Amino acid sequence: MNLLLLNMLLAGVWAVLVGDVNVENLGFGFLLGYGIIAALRITPAARGYTSRLPRGIALLFFFLWELLLSCVRVARDVLSPSPKFRPGIIGVPLDAKTDEEITLLACLITLTPGTLSLDVSPDRKTLYIHTMWVDDPEAFRREIKDGFERRVLELMR
């Protein structure tokens, strides 16, 4: 059985046992079910499932931090009397292999203000990104690879 479905089933059972099916009880039941699955770790799949949630939360917080920084930088440059725009397109070599990994990475980059994922090379080894600031292309590549791509790969693998 899919462990997410099992976790949701445990959440539903908890809400029914408590006698009040509402969002709070379902949420607490989900956390309780997650704790049970993490404590038992019956199969290797259970170990993988329970380790993904912390990595997913870490990716979410990293993305929110990058979103905040990008919003401030874009706003500062737009409102500045002398903007520092130096737009360009940079090819970033990919370690991501699957469609899901590449899509998630491209979406996170596109959702960050000041960057836009344009295309993936036909051999799926390079992601082309338009950025508003091309000061140092190598630093930009390292920022994408050490930031978004590393966290996406940790989550997906």
Protein backbone atom coordinates (compact mmCIF):
# COMPACT_ATOMS: atom_id res chain seq x y z
CA MET A 1 0.00 0.00 0.00
CA ASN A 2 1.21 3.48 -0.77
CA LEU A 3 2.50 4.98 2.49
CA LEU A 4 0.86 8.35 1.86
CA LEU A 5 -2.50 6.59 1.53
CA LEU A 6 -1.78 4.61 4.69
CA ASN A 7 -0.93 7.85 6.49
CA MET A 8 -4.17 9.45 5.28
CA LEU A 9 -6.10 6.34 6.37
CA LEU A 10 -4.55 6.59 9.84
CA ALA A 11 -5.55 10.26 9.96
CA GLY A 12 -9.13 9.33 9.09
CA VAL A 13 -9.19 6.57 11.69
CA TRP A 14 -7.93 9.03 14.32
CA ALA A 15 -10.62 11.59 13.43
CA VAL A 16 -13.33 8.91 13.61
CA LEU A 17 -12.03 7.60 16.96
CA VAL A 18 -12.03 11.10 18.39
CA GLY A 19 -15.60 11.49 17.15
CA ASP A 20 -15.15 14.80 15.34
CA VAL A 21 -13.99 14.79 11.73
CA ASN A 22 -12.55 18.27 11.14
CA VAL A 23 -9.38 19.78 9.73
CA GLU A 24 -7.62 19.96 13.09
CA ASN A 25 -8.26 16.32 13.95
CA LEU A 26 -7.32 15.16 10.46
CA GLY A 27 -4.10 17.21 10.61
CA PHE A 28 -3.19 15.86 14.03
CA GLY A 29 -4.10 12.35 12.89
CA PHE A 30 -1.85 12.77 9.85
CA LEU A 31 1.05 13.82 12.08
CA LEU A 32 0.31 10.97 14.46
CA GLY A 33 0.19 8.49 11.56
CA TYR A 34 3.44 9.90 10.21
CA GLY A 35 5.02 9.38 13.63
CA ILE A 36 3.77 5.79 13.75
CA ILE A 37 5.14 5.03 10.28
CA ALA A 38 8.46 6.70 11.20
CA ALA A 39 8.72 4.78 14.47
CA LEU A 40 7.94 1.39 12.91
CA ARG A 41 9.96 1.77 9.70
CA ILE A 42 8.83 -1.67 8.62
CA THR A 43 10.10 -1.48 5.06
CA PRO A 44 12.77 0.47 3.19
CA ALA A 45 9.91 2.37 1.54
CA ALA A 46 8.79 3.56 4.99
CA ARG A 47 12.27 4.89 5.69
CA GLY A 48 12.22 6.74 2.36
CA TYR A 49 8.74 8.13 3.00
CA THR A 50 9.57 9.44 6.46
CA SER A 51 12.81 11.05 5.31
CA ARG A 52 11.12 12.93 2.45
CA LEU A 53 8.92 15.12 4.64
CA PRO A 54 11.80 16.93 6.37
CA ARG A 55 13.56 17.40 3.01
CA GLY A 56 10.34 18.72 1.48
CA ILE A 57 9.92 21.18 4.32
CA ALA A 58 13.56 22.26 3.94
CA LEU A 59 13.00 22.82 0.20
CA LEU A 60 9.85 24.83 0.94
CA PHE A 61 11.65 27.11 3.42
CA PHE A 62 14.62 27.51 1.07
CA PHE A 63 12.26 28.47 -1.75
CA LEU A 64 10.39 30.96 0.44
CA TRP A 65 13.70 32.55 1.49
CA GLU A 66 14.88 32.80 -2.13
CA LEU A 67 11.48 34.19 -3.10
CA LEU A 68 11.76 36.90 -0.46
CA LEU A 69 15.31 37.82 -1.47
CA SER A 70 14.38 37.94 -5.16
CA CYS A 71 11.31 40.08 -4.53
CA VAL A 72 13.40 42.59 -2.59
CA ARG A 73 16.09 42.66 -5.28
CA VAL A 74 13.60 43.12 -8.12
CA ALA A 75 11.70 45.82 -6.21
CA ARG A 76 14.93 47.63 -5.34
CA ASP A 77 16.08 47.62 -8.97
CA VAL A 78 12.68 48.61 -10.37
CA LEU A 79 12.31 51.52 -7.95
CA SER A 80 15.94 52.63 -8.18
CA PRO A 81 16.72 55.71 -10.31
CA SER A 82 19.71 53.81 -11.75
CA PRO A 83 18.75 50.13 -12.08
CA LYS A 84 21.46 47.48 -12.19
CA PHE A 85 19.75 45.24 -14.79
CA ARG A 86 22.10 43.13 -16.89
CA PRO A 87 19.75 40.55 -18.42
CA GLY A 88 21.00 37.44 -20.13
CA ILE A 89 20.45 33.76 -20.78
CA ILE A 90 22.62 31.22 -19.01
CA GLY A 91 22.85 27.49 -19.64
CA VAL A 92 23.01 25.48 -16.42
CA PRO A 93 24.25 21.88 -16.72
CA LEU A 94 21.82 19.48 -15.07
CA ASP A 95 22.40 16.60 -12.70
CA ALA A 96 18.62 16.07 -12.67
CA LYS A 97 17.67 13.22 -15.00
CA THR A 98 13.95 12.49 -14.74
CA ASP A 99 11.15 14.62 -16.11
CA GLU A 100 9.81 15.17 -12.60
CA GLU A 101 13.13 16.46 -11.27
CA ILE A 102 13.69 18.78 -14.24
CA THR A 103 10.10 20.06 -14.14
CA LEU A 104 10.19 20.80 -10.40
CA LEU A 105 13.53 22.58 -10.76
CA ALA A 106 12.32 24.65 -13.72
CA CYS A 107 9.09 25.58 -11.93
CA LEU A 108 10.89 26.70 -8.77
CA ILE A 109 13.28 28.83 -10.83
CA THR A 110 10.43 30.37 -12.83
CA LEU A 111 8.45 31.18 -9.68
CA THR A 112 11.40 33.15 -8.32
CA PRO A 113 11.21 36.79 -9.50
CA GLY A 114 14.04 37.83 -11.80
CA THR A 115 14.53 34.37 -13.33
CA LEU A 116 12.67 32.39 -15.95
CA SER A 117 13.30 28.84 -17.15
CA LEU A 118 13.23 28.99 -20.93
CA ASP A 119 14.07 25.58 -22.31
CA VAL A 120 15.82 22.28 -21.77
CA SER A 121 18.34 21.11 -24.33
CA PRO A 122 17.27 18.15 -26.50
CA ASP A 123 19.69 15.86 -24.65
CA ARG A 124 18.17 17.08 -21.31
CA LYS A 125 21.57 17.98 -19.90
CA THR A 126 21.24 21.79 -19.90
CA LEU A 127 18.53 24.10 -18.60
CA TYR A 128 18.46 27.57 -20.15
CA ILE A 129 17.51 30.31 -17.72
CA HIS A 130 16.87 33.99 -18.36
CA THR A 131 18.01 36.14 -15.47
CA MET A 132 17.83 39.87 -14.87
CA TRP A 133 21.37 40.01 -13.49
CA VAL A 134 24.28 38.39 -15.31
CA ASP A 135 27.24 39.65 -13.31
CA ASP A 136 29.05 36.32 -13.04
CA PRO A 137 27.60 33.40 -15.03
CA GLU A 138 29.64 30.81 -13.11
CA ALA A 139 28.42 32.15 -9.75
CA PHE A 140 24.84 32.00 -11.06
CA ARG A 141 25.31 28.36 -12.17
CA ARG A 142 26.76 27.45 -8.76
CA GLU A 143 23.87 29.21 -7.02
CA ILE A 144 21.30 27.19 -8.99
CA LYS A 145 23.17 23.88 -8.63
CA ASP A 146 24.02 24.26 -4.92
CA GLY A 147 20.66 25.77 -4.08
CA PHE A 148 17.61 24.61 -5.97
CA GLU A 149 18.95 21.60 -7.86
CA ARG A 150 20.69 20.00 -4.88
CA ARG A 151 17.55 20.30 -2.74
CA VAL A 152 15.27 19.03 -5.52
CA LEU A 153 17.50 16.00 -6.03
CA GLU A 154 17.61 15.32 -2.26
CA LEU A 155 13.81 15.38 -2.20
CA MET A 156 13.19 13.32 -5.32
CA ARG A 157 15.81 10.59 -4.87
